[in-house]
Amino acid sequence: MAKIDESKQLPLLRKYQIFVNGYEIDVATGISPGVASRELNEPVYGEDNPLTQTVSDNGTMSMDVKRKSENNYLLDNLYDVSPDIAAKGYNFDNVVKVCFWENRQSYNNGKYIGCNFYGRVSMLPTARTGAPNEWNGQTFTGVGDTARSFEIDNVAIASEKVAVAGGSGTLTDTPTVCPDDSMYALYVVAMNYTEGTHVVEESEILTVTAAMVAVDKSITIAAGDLNELSIDDVNAAFVVYLSSGAGVYPTGDITIEGLYATAA
């Protein structure tokens, strides 16, 4: 049996870069995912076996952060506030679903060697922690999709805000196929976006299909999907996908754009 090379094979937690909707959370100290289950108490055709009455329908997640008074991207995205707005107010009644991901760096920070994705997450903060002479901390907890994990050399999670006309758009970078479902996108959000003010008027998280994002960088939101959306005018899409490239963000080849960025 080959001996473990601890410098290359045993990852350090600090080697993870954590993002929310394409914005790096530089004060995050860790993500703890879990799986929530729902019990179905209604028997079907006489079956009352408890094993058939329990299904896993979503995931849970908690995140520990240090409190930050400026550029608080976590609060901005959770409560649908553009990071570009100077005066901010966070109404916890306005919590929205967001996506998180972790890109893991190699031991020498030379490349990416894995990533984790958490979709459709909604979280609320707990009480603040810390003594008067300590840094102020806080834990956010909530539910979302179950986690997805990828172990691929030189591949990480990327994101782009793309202009959409008539249901079509084009990515800048070439997406990498997801090995667990053979699709070219992890997450797609259709939106009505006001250019200049960076305000997302309306948005809806779409179910990713094989035809939605292709290896040729094209994005296609089918007419049927557009007709079923409650959004008046879909003019942009936020696309999260796997991408390959040398180096790590922000100086490497991996493109990471925020949900409130200008649509290219």
C-alpha atoms as a PDB file:
ATOM      1  CA  MET A   1       0.000   0.000   0.000  1.00  0.00           C
ATOM      2  CA  ALA A   2       1.337   3.406  -1.003  1.00  0.00           C
ATOM      3  CA  LYS A   3       2.120   5.779   1.828  1.00  0.00           C
ATOM      4  CA  ILE A   4      -0.055   8.884   2.132  1.00  0.00           C
ATOM      5  CA  ASP A   5       1.632  12.104   1.055  1.00  0.00           C
ATOM      6  CA  GLU A   6       0.056  14.363   3.670  1.00  0.00           C
ATOM      7  CA  SER A   7       1.225  17.571   1.962  1.00  0.00           C
ATOM      8  CA  LYS A   8      -0.730  16.726  -1.209  1.00  0.00           C
ATOM      9  CA  GLN A   9      -3.466  14.260  -0.251  1.00  0.00           C
ATOM     10  CA  LEU A  10      -4.789  15.571   3.073  1.00  0.00           C
ATOM     11  CA  PRO A  11      -6.506  18.916   2.404  1.00  0.00           C
ATOM     12  CA  LEU A  12      -6.528  21.779   4.880  1.00  0.00           C
ATOM     13  CA  LEU A  13      -9.786  23.593   5.539  1.00  0.00           C
ATOM     14  CA  ARG A  14      -8.122  26.924   4.856  1.00  0.00           C
ATOM     15  CA  LYS A  15      -7.523  25.737   1.286  1.00  0.00           C
ATOM     16  CA  TYR A  16     -11.214  26.205   0.501  1.00  0.00           C
ATOM     17  CA  GLN A  17     -12.501  29.391  -1.114  1.00  0.00           C
ATOM     18  CA  ILE A  18     -16.180  29.864  -0.235  1.00  0.00           C
ATOM     19  CA  PHE A  19     -18.585  31.746  -2.521  1.00  0.00           C
ATOM     20  CA  VAL A  20     -22.231  32.848  -2.349  1.00  0.00           C
ATOM     21  CA  ASN A  21     -23.849  33.597  -5.720  1.00  0.00           C
ATOM     22  CA  GLY A  22     -20.386  34.256  -7.151  1.00  0.00           C
ATOM     23  CA  TYR A  23     -19.088  36.522  -4.341  1.00  0.00           C
ATOM     24  CA  GLU A  24     -16.233  35.286  -2.178  1.00  0.00           C
ATOM     25  CA  ILE A  25     -17.020  35.188   1.542  1.00  0.00           C
ATOM     26  CA  ASP A  26     -13.638  36.072   2.959  1.00  0.00           C
ATOM     27  CA  VAL A  27     -14.870  35.849   6.563  1.00  0.00           C
ATOM     28  CA  ALA A  28     -16.301  32.313   6.346  1.00  0.00           C
ATOM     29  CA  THR A  29     -14.612  29.805   8.629  1.00  0.00           C
ATOM     30  CA  GLY A  30     -16.393  26.682   7.417  1.00  0.00           C
ATOM     31  CA  ILE A  31     -19.520  25.022   5.984  1.00  0.00           C
ATOM     32  CA  SER A  32     -21.240  22.058   7.652  1.00  0.00           C
ATOM     33  CA  PRO A  33     -23.708  20.300   5.317  1.00  0.00           C
ATOM     34  CA  GLY A  34     -26.249  17.665   6.311  1.00  0.00           C
ATOM     35  CA  VAL A  35     -29.314  15.807   5.058  1.00  0.00           C
ATOM     36  CA  ALA A  36     -32.840  16.431   6.315  1.00  0.00           C
ATOM     37  CA  SER A  37     -35.519  13.780   6.024  1.00  0.00           C
ATOM     38  CA  ARG A  38     -39.294  13.962   5.817  1.00  0.00           C
ATOM     39  CA  GLU A  39     -41.567  11.229   7.160  1.00  0.00           C
ATOM     40  CA  LEU A  40     -44.597  10.245   5.098  1.00  0.00           C
ATOM     41  CA  ASN A  41     -47.282   9.011   7.471  1.00  0.00           C
ATOM     42  CA  GLU A  42     -49.865   8.084   4.855  1.00  0.00           C
ATOM     43  CA  PRO A  43     -49.727   4.345   4.029  1.00  0.00           C
ATOM     44  CA  VAL A  44     -49.952   3.313   0.373  1.00  0.00           C
ATOM     45  CA  TYR A  45     -51.963   0.178  -0.487  1.00  0.00           C
ATOM     46  CA  GLY A  46     -51.648  -1.190   3.002  1.00  0.00           C
ATOM     47  CA  GLU A  47     -47.904  -0.659   3.307  1.00  0.00           C
ATOM     48  CA  ASP A  48     -46.983   0.655   6.729  1.00  0.00           C
ATOM     49  CA  ASN A  49     -43.322  -0.314   6.772  1.00  0.00           C
ATOM     50  CA  PRO A  50     -41.451   2.668   8.281  1.00  0.00           C
ATOM     51  CA  LEU A  51     -38.665   2.140   5.755  1.00  0.00           C
ATOM     52  CA  THR A  52     -41.058   3.045   2.954  1.00  0.00           C
ATOM     53  CA  GLN A  53     -42.366   6.099   4.809  1.00  0.00           C
ATOM     54  CA  THR A  54     -39.131   8.047   5.069  1.00  0.00           C
ATOM     55  CA  VAL A  55     -37.608   9.933   2.147  1.00  0.00           C
ATOM     56  CA  SER A  56     -34.722  12.363   1.973  1.00  0.00           C
ATOM     57  CA  ASP A  57     -35.988  15.526   0.309  1.00  0.00           C
ATOM     58  CA  ASN A  58     -33.458  18.227   1.086  1.00  0.00           C
ATOM     59  CA  GLY A  59     -30.254  19.143   2.795  1.00  0.00           C
ATOM     60  CA  THR A  60     -29.295  21.268   5.756  1.00  0.00           C
ATOM     61  CA  MET A  61     -26.390  23.651   6.031  1.00  0.00           C
ATOM     62  CA  SER A  62     -24.709  25.824   8.616  1.00  0.00           C
ATOM     63  CA  MET A  63     -21.926  28.336   8.115  1.00  0.00           C
ATOM     64  CA  ASP A  64     -19.717  30.036  10.682  1.00  0.00           C
ATOM     65  CA  VAL A  65     -18.491  33.529   9.832  1.00  0.00           C
ATOM     66  CA  LYS A  66     -16.698  36.431  11.426  1.00  0.00           C
ATOM     67  CA  ARG A  67     -18.840  39.553  11.488  1.00  0.00           C
ATOM     68  CA  LYS A  68     -17.842  42.186   8.944  1.00  0.00           C
ATOM     69  CA  SER A  69     -19.215  45.719   8.842  1.00  0.00           C
ATOM     70  CA  GLU A  70     -18.463  46.408   5.166  1.00  0.00           C
ATOM     71  CA  ASN A  71     -18.790  44.347   1.978  1.00  0.00           C
ATOM     72  CA  ASN A  72     -20.884  41.732   3.740  1.00  0.00           C
ATOM     73  CA  TYR A  73     -21.637  39.650   0.663  1.00  0.00           C
ATOM     74  CA  LEU A  74     -23.329  36.913   2.665  1.00  0.00           C
ATOM     75  CA  LEU A  75     -26.028  39.221   4.070  1.00  0.00           C
ATOM     76  CA  ASP A  76     -26.351  41.053   0.745  1.00  0.00           C
ATOM     77  CA  ASN A  77     -27.189  37.908  -1.175  1.00  0.00           C
ATOM     78  CA  LEU A  78     -29.347  36.250   1.479  1.00  0.00           C
ATOM     79  CA  TYR A  79     -31.617  39.292   1.666  1.00  0.00           C
ATOM     80  CA  ASP A  80     -31.513  40.323  -2.009  1.00  0.00           C
ATOM     81  CA  VAL A  81     -29.497  43.529  -1.575  1.00  0.00           C
ATOM     82  CA  SER A  82     -27.095  44.549  -4.324  1.00  0.00           C
ATOM     83  CA  PRO A  83     -23.480  44.802  -3.044  1.00  0.00           C
ATOM     84  CA  ASP A  84     -23.201  48.040  -5.041  1.00  0.00           C
ATOM     85  CA  ILE A  85     -25.719  49.847  -2.821  1.00  0.00           C
ATOM     86  CA  ALA A  86     -23.987  51.998  -0.189  1.00  0.00           C
ATOM     87  CA  ALA A  87     -26.757  52.299   2.422  1.00  0.00           C
ATOM     88  CA  LYS A  88     -28.105  48.853   3.247  1.00  0.00           C
ATOM     89  CA  GLY A  89     -30.912  47.435   5.320  1.00  0.00           C
ATOM     90  CA  TYR A  90     -31.495  43.728   5.881  1.00  0.00           C
ATOM     91  CA  ASN A  91     -35.099  42.609   6.408  1.00  0.00           C
ATOM     92  CA  PHE A  92     -35.136  38.970   7.487  1.00  0.00           C
ATOM     93  CA  ASP A  93     -38.634  38.639   5.980  1.00  0.00           C
ATOM     94  CA  ASN A  94     -36.958  39.050   2.576  1.00  0.00           C
ATOM     95  CA  VAL A  95     -34.713  35.984   2.776  1.00  0.00           C
ATOM     96  CA  VAL A  96     -34.196  34.431  -0.666  1.00  0.00           C
ATOM     97  CA  LYS A  97     -32.669  31.199  -1.930  1.00  0.00           C
ATOM     98  CA  VAL A  98     -29.007  31.381  -2.926  1.00  0.00           C
ATOM     99  CA  CYS A  99     -26.251  29.001  -3.947  1.00  0.00           C
ATOM    100  CA  PHE A 100     -22.936  28.368  -2.227  1.00  0.00           C
ATOM    101  CA  TRP A 101     -19.822  26.589  -3.368  1.00  0.00           C
ATOM    102  CA  GLU A 102     -16.341  25.736  -2.158  1.00  0.00           C
ATOM    103  CA  ASN A 103     -13.332  25.526  -4.490  1.00  0.00           C
ATOM    104  CA  ARG A 104     -10.442  23.574  -2.971  1.00  0.00           C
ATOM    105  CA  GLN A 105      -6.861  24.571  -3.711  1.00  0.00           C
ATOM    106  CA  SER A 106      -3.856  22.286  -3.892  1.00  0.00           C
ATOM    107  CA  TYR A 107      -1.262  22.237  -1.116  1.00  0.00           C
ATOM    108  CA  ASN A 108       0.834  24.922  -2.853  1.00  0.00           C
ATOM    109  CA  ASN A 109      -2.126  27.035  -4.086  1.00  0.00           C
ATOM    110  CA  GLY A 110      -1.117  26.242  -7.672  1.00  0.00           C
ATOM    111  CA  LYS A 111      -4.398  24.748  -8.916  1.00  0.00           C
ATOM    112  CA  TYR A 112      -7.861  23.549  -7.969  1.00  0.00           C
ATOM    113  CA  ILE A 113      -8.319  19.900  -7.009  1.00  0.00           C
ATOM    114  CA  GLY A 114     -11.980  19.666  -6.005  1.00  0.00           C
ATOM    115  CA  CYS A 115     -15.184  21.548  -5.227  1.00  0.00           C
ATOM    116  CA  ASN A 116     -18.509  21.278  -3.406  1.00  0.00           C
ATOM    117  CA  PHE A 117     -21.837  22.816  -4.421  1.00  0.00           C
ATOM    118  CA  TYR A 118     -24.947  23.706  -2.388  1.00  0.00           C
ATOM    119  CA  GLY A 119     -28.027  24.941  -4.276  1.00  0.00           C
ATOM    120  CA  ARG A 120     -31.328  26.615  -3.323  1.00  0.00           C
ATOM    121  CA  VAL A 121     -30.157  27.478   0.183  1.00  0.00           C
ATOM    122  CA  SER A 122     -32.081  29.789   2.513  1.00  0.00           C
ATOM    123  CA  MET A 123     -30.508  30.641   5.864  1.00  0.00           C
ATOM    124  CA  LEU A 124     -31.084  32.831   8.888  1.00  0.00           C
ATOM    125  CA  PRO A 125     -28.453  34.008  11.372  1.00  0.00           C
ATOM    126  CA  THR A 126     -28.263  32.966  14.992  1.00  0.00           C
ATOM    127  CA  ALA A 127     -27.248  35.251  17.836  1.00  0.00           C
ATOM    128  CA  ARG A 128     -23.772  36.741  17.689  1.00  0.00           C
ATOM    129  CA  THR A 129     -20.978  35.151  19.686  1.00  0.00           C
ATOM    130  CA  GLY A 130     -17.731  36.357  21.182  1.00  0.00           C
ATOM    131  CA  ALA A 131     -16.532  38.129  24.296  1.00  0.00           C
ATOM    132  CA  PRO A 132     -15.842  41.905  24.287  1.00  0.00           C
ATOM    133  CA  ASN A 133     -12.163  41.248  23.599  1.00  0.00           C
ATOM    134  CA  GLU A 134     -12.806  38.690  20.822  1.00  0.00           C
ATOM    135  CA  TRP A 135     -13.762  38.920  17.171  1.00  0.00           C
ATOM    136  CA  ASN A 136     -17.520  38.908  16.745  1.00  0.00           C
ATOM    137  CA  GLY A 137     -18.797  35.678  15.177  1.00  0.00           C
ATOM    138  CA  GLN A 138     -22.119  34.414  13.886  1.00  0.00           C
ATOM    139  CA  THR A 139     -23.606  31.163  12.615  1.00  0.00           C
ATOM    140  CA  PHE A 140     -26.092  30.963   9.733  1.00  0.00           C
ATOM    141  CA  THR A 141     -28.303  27.872   9.461  1.00  0.00           C
ATOM    142  CA  GLY A 142     -30.917  26.748   6.963  1.00  0.00           C
ATOM    143  CA  VAL A 143     -31.999  24.234   4.353  1.00  0.00           C
ATOM    144  CA  GLY A 144     -31.364  23.696   0.656  1.00  0.00           C
ATOM    145  CA  ASP A 145     -30.583  21.028  -1.916  1.00  0.00           C
ATOM    146  CA  THR A 146     -28.382  18.144  -0.861  1.00  0.00           C
ATOM    147  CA  ALA A 147     -24.693  18.801  -1.429  1.00  0.00           C
ATOM    148  CA  ARG A 148     -22.796  17.800  -4.573  1.00  0.00           C
ATOM    149  CA  SER A 149     -19.067  17.103  -4.487  1.00  0.00           C
ATOM    150  CA  PHE A 150     -16.561  16.840  -7.334  1.00  0.00           C
ATOM    151  CA  GLU A 151     -12.998  15.524  -7.228  1.00  0.00           C
ATOM    152  CA  ILE A 152     -11.448  16.591 -10.541  1.00  0.00           C
ATOM    153  CA  ASP A 153      -7.909  17.840 -11.048  1.00  0.00           C
ATOM    154  CA  ASN A 154      -7.649  21.411 -12.409  1.00  0.00           C
ATOM    155  CA  VAL A 155     -11.444  21.874 -12.333  1.00  0.00           C
ATOM    156  CA  ALA A 156     -13.461  24.240 -10.133  1.00  0.00           C
ATOM    157  CA  ILE A 157     -16.894  25.837  -9.987  1.00  0.00           C
ATOM    158  CA  ALA A 158     -17.289  28.984 -12.093  1.00  0.00           C
ATOM    159  CA  SER A 159     -20.161  31.438 -12.571  1.00  0.00           C
ATOM    160  CA  GLU A 160     -21.244  34.021 -15.127  1.00  0.00           C
ATOM    161  CA  LYS A 161     -23.948  36.663 -15.436  1.00  0.00           C
ATOM    162  CA  VAL A 162     -25.027  36.392 -19.077  1.00  0.00           C
ATOM    163  CA  ALA A 163     -27.287  38.622 -21.161  1.00  0.00           C
ATOM    164  CA  VAL A 164     -30.250  36.690 -22.585  1.00  0.00           C
ATOM    165  CA  ALA A 165     -32.351  37.646 -25.618  1.00  0.00           C
ATOM    166  CA  GLY A 166     -35.238  35.472 -26.771  1.00  0.00           C
ATOM    167  CA  GLY A 167     -34.132  32.737 -24.375  1.00  0.00           C
ATOM    168  CA  SER A 168     -30.562  32.566 -25.735  1.00  0.00           C
ATOM    169  CA  GLY A 169     -27.175  33.592 -24.386  1.00  0.00           C
ATOM    170  CA  THR A 170     -23.499  32.616 -24.523  1.00  0.00           C
ATOM    171  CA  LEU A 171     -20.944  31.881 -21.801  1.00  0.00           C
ATOM    172  CA  THR A 172     -17.432  33.315 -21.958  1.00  0.00           C
ATOM    173  CA  ASP A 173     -15.677  30.153 -20.778  1.00  0.00           C
ATOM    174  CA  THR A 174     -16.236  26.574 -21.909  1.00  0.00           C
ATOM    175  CA  PRO A 175     -18.146  24.492 -19.331  1.00  0.00           C
ATOM    176  CA  THR A 176     -16.903  21.071 -18.182  1.00  0.00           C
ATOM    177  CA  VAL A 177     -19.368  18.183 -18.092  1.00  0.00           C
ATOM    178  CA  CYS A 178     -20.626  17.252 -14.608  1.00  0.00           C
ATOM    179  CA  PRO A 179     -19.634  13.601 -14.051  1.00  0.00           C
ATOM    180  CA  ASP A 180     -22.648  12.781 -11.862  1.00  0.00           C
ATOM    181  CA  ASP A 181     -25.376  13.811 -14.333  1.00  0.00           C
ATOM    182  CA  SER A 182     -23.535  14.460 -17.657  1.00  0.00           C
ATOM    183  CA  MET A 183     -24.885  18.040 -17.877  1.00  0.00           C
ATOM    184  CA  TYR A 184     -22.960  21.252 -18.465  1.00  0.00           C
ATOM    185  CA  ALA A 185     -24.459  23.393 -15.702  1.00  0.00           C
ATOM    186  CA  LEU A 186     -24.995  23.053 -11.967  1.00  0.00           C
ATOM    187  CA  TYR A 187     -27.422  25.935 -11.478  1.00  0.00           C
ATOM    188  CA  VAL A 188     -29.287  28.429 -13.669  1.00  0.00           C
ATOM    189  CA  VAL A 189     -31.245  31.485 -12.519  1.00  0.00           C
ATOM    190  CA  ALA A 190     -33.417  33.370 -15.005  1.00  0.00           C
ATOM    191  CA  MET A 191     -33.972  37.024 -14.141  1.00  0.00           C
ATOM    192  CA  ASN A 192     -35.334  40.412 -15.098  1.00  0.00           C
ATOM    193  CA  TYR A 193     -32.377  42.695 -14.486  1.00  0.00           C
ATOM    194  CA  THR A 194     -32.139  46.500 -14.573  1.00  0.00           C
ATOM    195  CA  GLU A 195     -28.853  47.585 -16.135  1.00  0.00           C
ATOM    196  CA  GLY A 196     -27.047  50.423 -14.365  1.00  0.00           C
ATOM    197  CA  THR A 197     -28.755  50.019 -10.987  1.00  0.00           C
ATOM    198  CA  HIS A 198     -27.701  46.354 -10.581  1.00  0.00           C
ATOM    199  CA  VAL A 199     -31.180  45.580  -9.256  1.00  0.00           C
ATOM    200  CA  VAL A 200     -32.654  42.123  -9.884  1.00  0.00           C
ATOM    201  CA  GLU A 201     -36.345  42.920 -10.265  1.00  0.00           C
ATOM    202  CA  GLU A 202     -37.485  39.284 -10.550  1.00  0.00           C
ATOM    203  CA  SER A 203     -35.685  35.957 -10.600  1.00  0.00           C
ATOM    204  CA  GLU A 204     -36.469  32.267 -10.668  1.00  0.00           C
ATOM    205  CA  ILE A 205     -34.223  29.236 -10.187  1.00  0.00           C
ATOM    206  CA  LEU A 206     -34.662  26.857 -13.122  1.00  0.00           C
ATOM    207  CA  THR A 207     -34.422  23.082 -13.263  1.00  0.00           C
ATOM    208  CA  VAL A 208     -31.266  22.424 -15.284  1.00  0.00           C
ATOM    209  CA  THR A 209     -31.820  20.319 -18.409  1.00  0.00           C
ATOM    210  CA  ALA A 210     -29.413  18.797 -20.907  1.00  0.00           C
ATOM    211  CA  ALA A 211     -30.466  21.327 -23.570  1.00  0.00           C
ATOM    212  CA  MET A 212     -30.051  24.387 -21.332  1.00  0.00           C
ATOM    213  CA  VAL A 213     -26.242  24.758 -21.382  1.00  0.00           C
ATOM    214  CA  ALA A 214     -24.056  23.097 -24.019  1.00  0.00           C
ATOM    215  CA  VAL A 215     -20.335  22.426 -24.393  1.00  0.00           C
ATOM    216  CA  ASP A 216     -20.219  25.077 -27.142  1.00  0.00           C
ATOM    217  CA  LYS A 217     -20.974  27.735 -24.429  1.00  0.00           C
ATOM    218  CA  SER A 218     -24.534  28.349 -25.680  1.00  0.00           C
ATOM    219  CA  ILE A 219     -27.415  28.883 -23.258  1.00  0.00           C
ATOM    220  CA  THR A 220     -30.967  28.035 -24.303  1.00  0.00           C
ATOM    221  CA  ILE A 221     -33.989  28.667 -22.116  1.00  0.00           C
ATOM    222  CA  ALA A 222     -36.796  26.996 -24.043  1.00  0.00           C
ATOM    223  CA  ALA A 223     -39.938  28.887 -25.006  1.00  0.00           C
ATOM    224  CA  GLY A 224     -41.970  26.533 -22.840  1.00  0.00           C
ATOM    225  CA  ASP A 225     -39.854  27.417 -19.810  1.00  0.00           C
ATOM    226  CA  LEU A 226     -40.137  31.133 -20.540  1.00  0.00           C
ATOM    227  CA  ASN A 227     -43.929  30.896 -20.853  1.00  0.00           C
ATOM    228  CA  GLU A 228     -44.237  29.151 -17.500  1.00  0.00           C
ATOM    229  CA  LEU A 229     -42.132  31.697 -15.614  1.00  0.00           C
ATOM    230  CA  SER A 230     -43.770  34.457 -13.609  1.00  0.00           C
ATOM    231  CA  ILE A 231     -41.066  36.890 -14.796  1.00  0.00           C
ATOM    232  CA  ASP A 232     -42.257  39.516 -17.266  1.00  0.00           C
ATOM    233  CA  ASP A 233     -39.043  39.856 -19.252  1.00  0.00           C
ATOM    234  CA  VAL A 234     -36.104  37.449 -18.943  1.00  0.00           C
ATOM    235  CA  ASN A 235     -33.082  39.488 -20.046  1.00  0.00           C
ATOM    236  CA  ALA A 236     -30.271  37.778 -18.090  1.00  0.00           C
ATOM    237  CA  ALA A 237     -29.243  34.463 -16.599  1.00  0.00           C
ATOM    238  CA  PHE A 238     -26.879  33.564 -13.788  1.00  0.00           C
ATOM    239  CA  VAL A 239     -25.145  30.288 -14.693  1.00  0.00           C
ATOM    240  CA  VAL A 240     -22.988  28.172 -12.369  1.00  0.00           C
ATOM    241  CA  TYR A 241     -20.906  25.408 -13.957  1.00  0.00           C
ATOM    242  CA  LEU A 242     -17.713  23.393 -13.742  1.00  0.00           C
ATOM    243  CA  SER A 243     -14.728  24.854 -15.588  1.00  0.00           C
ATOM    244  CA  SER A 244     -11.073  23.945 -16.081  1.00  0.00           C
ATOM    245  CA  GLY A 245      -8.123  26.295 -16.007  1.00  0.00           C
ATOM    246  CA  ALA A 246      -4.685  26.884 -14.562  1.00  0.00           C
ATOM    247  CA  GLY A 247      -4.227  28.753 -11.303  1.00  0.00           C
ATOM    248  CA  VAL A 248      -6.767  29.803  -8.686  1.00  0.00           C
ATOM    249  CA  TYR A 249      -9.204  32.710  -8.460  1.00  0.00           C
ATOM    250  CA  PRO A 250      -8.800  35.667  -8.821  1.00  0.00           C
ATOM    251  CA  THR A 251      -5.606  35.509 -10.918  1.00  0.00           C
ATOM    252  CA  GLY A 252      -6.254  32.127 -12.567  1.00  0.00           C
ATOM    253  CA  ASP A 253      -8.370  31.152 -15.571  1.00  0.00           C
ATOM    254  CA  ILE A 254     -11.547  30.319 -13.636  1.00  0.00           C
ATOM    255  CA  THR A 255     -14.261  32.952 -14.253  1.00  0.00           C
ATOM    256  CA  ILE A 256     -16.370  33.880 -11.240  1.00  0.00           C
ATOM    257  CA  GLU A 257     -18.972  36.644 -11.606  1.00  0.00           C
ATOM    258  CA  GLY A 258     -21.613  37.661  -9.103  1.00  0.00           C
ATOM    259  CA  LEU A 259     -25.368  37.479  -9.536  1.00  0.00           C
ATOM    260  CA  TYR A 260     -25.657  41.303  -9.384  1.00  0.00           C
ATOM    261  CA  ALA A 261     -22.848  41.957 -11.873  1.00  0.00           C
ATOM    262  CA  THR A 262     -23.358  43.601 -15.242  1.00  0.00           C
ATOM    263  CA  ALA A 263     -24.667  41.050 -17.749  1.00  0.00           C
ATOM    264  CA  ALA A 264     -22.061  40.494 -20.482  1.00  0.00           C
END
